[in-house]
Amino acid sequence: MARSNLEWEASPAEKYAEHWWKKHGFEVELLKRYQSKSIYKVSRDGMTTNEEIPYTVRKFKEFMERFQKGWDMQMEIEAMKRQLAAQQEQ
């Protein structure tokens, strides 16, 4: 489980997401738990984002596959930004 001082029980979606993130090398911290969603700080490879896990998620695998696609695109964007900045410095 992600580090948290919250006493509510994690939903199945949260448990799946936390396990998936750790299995794929992410650092995870539960920031806030609401009735309708939980907010996590997720980090890997020098990038950190806040991610929401709605309690309505039922297709956990598909949800995490979409997360991975979004993460990969964001990593690509950050790499392109660095590349562009390096070119502009020359």
Protein backbone atom coordinates (compact mmCIF):
# COMPACT_ATOMS: atom_id res chain seq x y z
CA MET A 1 0.00 0.00 0.00
CA ALA A 2 1.08 3.55 -0.61
CA ARG A 3 2.22 5.54 2.39
CA SER A 4 -0.70 7.31 4.04
CA ASN A 5 -2.10 8.43 7.38
CA LEU A 6 -5.64 7.88 6.13
CA GLU A 7 -7.67 5.26 7.95
CA TRP A 8 -10.23 4.39 5.26
CA GLU A 9 -9.92 1.06 3.54
CA ALA A 10 -8.51 1.22 0.01
CA SER A 11 -10.89 0.36 -2.82
CA PRO A 12 -10.14 -2.54 -5.18
CA ALA A 13 -9.20 0.04 -7.84
CA GLU A 14 -6.69 1.67 -5.48
CA LYS A 15 -5.16 -1.65 -4.49
CA TYR A 16 -4.78 -2.67 -8.12
CA ALA A 17 -3.28 0.69 -9.13
CA GLU A 18 -0.83 0.74 -6.21
CA HIS A 19 0.33 -2.79 -6.98
CA TRP A 20 0.63 -1.99 -10.69
CA TRP A 21 2.64 1.20 -10.08
CA LYS A 22 5.07 -0.52 -7.71
CA LYS A 23 5.47 -3.49 -10.07
CA HIS A 24 6.38 -1.05 -12.87
CA GLY A 25 8.92 0.90 -10.82
CA PHE A 26 6.90 3.93 -9.77
CA GLU A 27 7.11 5.61 -6.37
CA VAL A 28 3.61 6.19 -5.02
CA GLU A 29 2.19 8.30 -2.21
CA LEU A 30 -1.48 8.61 -1.35
CA LEU A 31 -2.20 12.32 -0.94
CA LYS A 32 -5.94 12.49 -0.33
CA ARG A 33 -8.89 10.12 -0.24
CA TYR A 34 -12.40 11.38 -0.99
CA GLN A 35 -15.67 9.45 -1.21
CA SER A 36 -15.52 9.51 -5.00
CA LYS A 37 -11.78 9.30 -5.73
CA SER A 38 -8.27 9.13 -4.35
CA ILE A 39 -5.35 11.32 -5.37
CA TYR A 40 -1.82 9.96 -5.59
CA LYS A 41 1.60 11.45 -6.21
CA VAL A 42 3.30 9.16 -8.74
CA SER A 43 7.01 9.45 -9.66
CA ARG A 44 9.50 7.71 -11.92
CA ASP A 45 12.46 8.69 -14.09
CA GLY A 46 12.59 12.22 -12.69
CA MET A 47 8.96 13.02 -13.48
CA THR A 48 6.18 13.40 -10.90
CA THR A 49 2.45 13.78 -11.49
CA ASN A 50 -0.72 13.71 -9.41
CA GLU A 51 -3.08 10.96 -10.51
CA GLU A 52 -6.72 10.39 -9.59
CA ILE A 53 -8.28 6.96 -9.13
CA PRO A 54 -12.08 7.29 -9.26
CA TYR A 55 -14.03 4.76 -7.19
CA THR A 56 -16.14 4.01 -10.26
CA VAL A 57 -13.25 2.23 -12.05
CA ARG A 58 -14.19 -1.38 -12.71
CA LYS A 59 -11.85 -2.30 -15.58
CA PHE A 60 -8.61 -1.91 -13.63
CA LYS A 61 -6.27 -3.31 -16.27
CA GLU A 62 -7.64 -1.01 -18.99
CA PHE A 63 -7.45 1.98 -16.65
CA MET A 64 -3.76 1.32 -15.94
CA GLU A 65 -3.01 0.72 -19.63
CA ARG A 66 -4.43 4.19 -20.36
CA PHE A 67 -2.31 5.59 -17.52
CA GLN A 68 0.81 3.99 -19.06
CA LYS A 69 0.05 5.43 -22.50
CA GLY A 70 -0.44 8.88 -21.01
CA TRP A 71 2.78 8.57 -18.96
CA ASP A 72 4.75 7.47 -22.03
CA MET A 73 3.43 10.43 -24.05
CA GLN A 74 4.32 12.84 -21.25
CA MET A 75 7.85 11.39 -21.05
CA GLU A 76 8.19 11.82 -24.82
CA ILE A 77 7.00 15.43 -24.60
CA GLU A 78 9.51 16.17 -21.82
CA ALA A 79 12.33 14.60 -23.87
CA MET A 80 11.36 16.72 -26.89
CA LYS A 81 11.32 19.86 -24.73
CA ARG A 82 14.85 19.08 -23.51
CA GLN A 83 15.99 18.39 -27.06
CA LEU A 84 14.51 21.68 -28.30
CA ALA A 85 16.09 23.62 -25.44
CA ALA A 86 19.49 22.06 -26.22
CA GLN A 87 19.15 23.02 -29.91
CA GLN A 88 18.22 26.59 -29.02
CA GLU A 89 21.31 26.90 -26.80
CA GLN A 90 23.59 26.08 -29.74
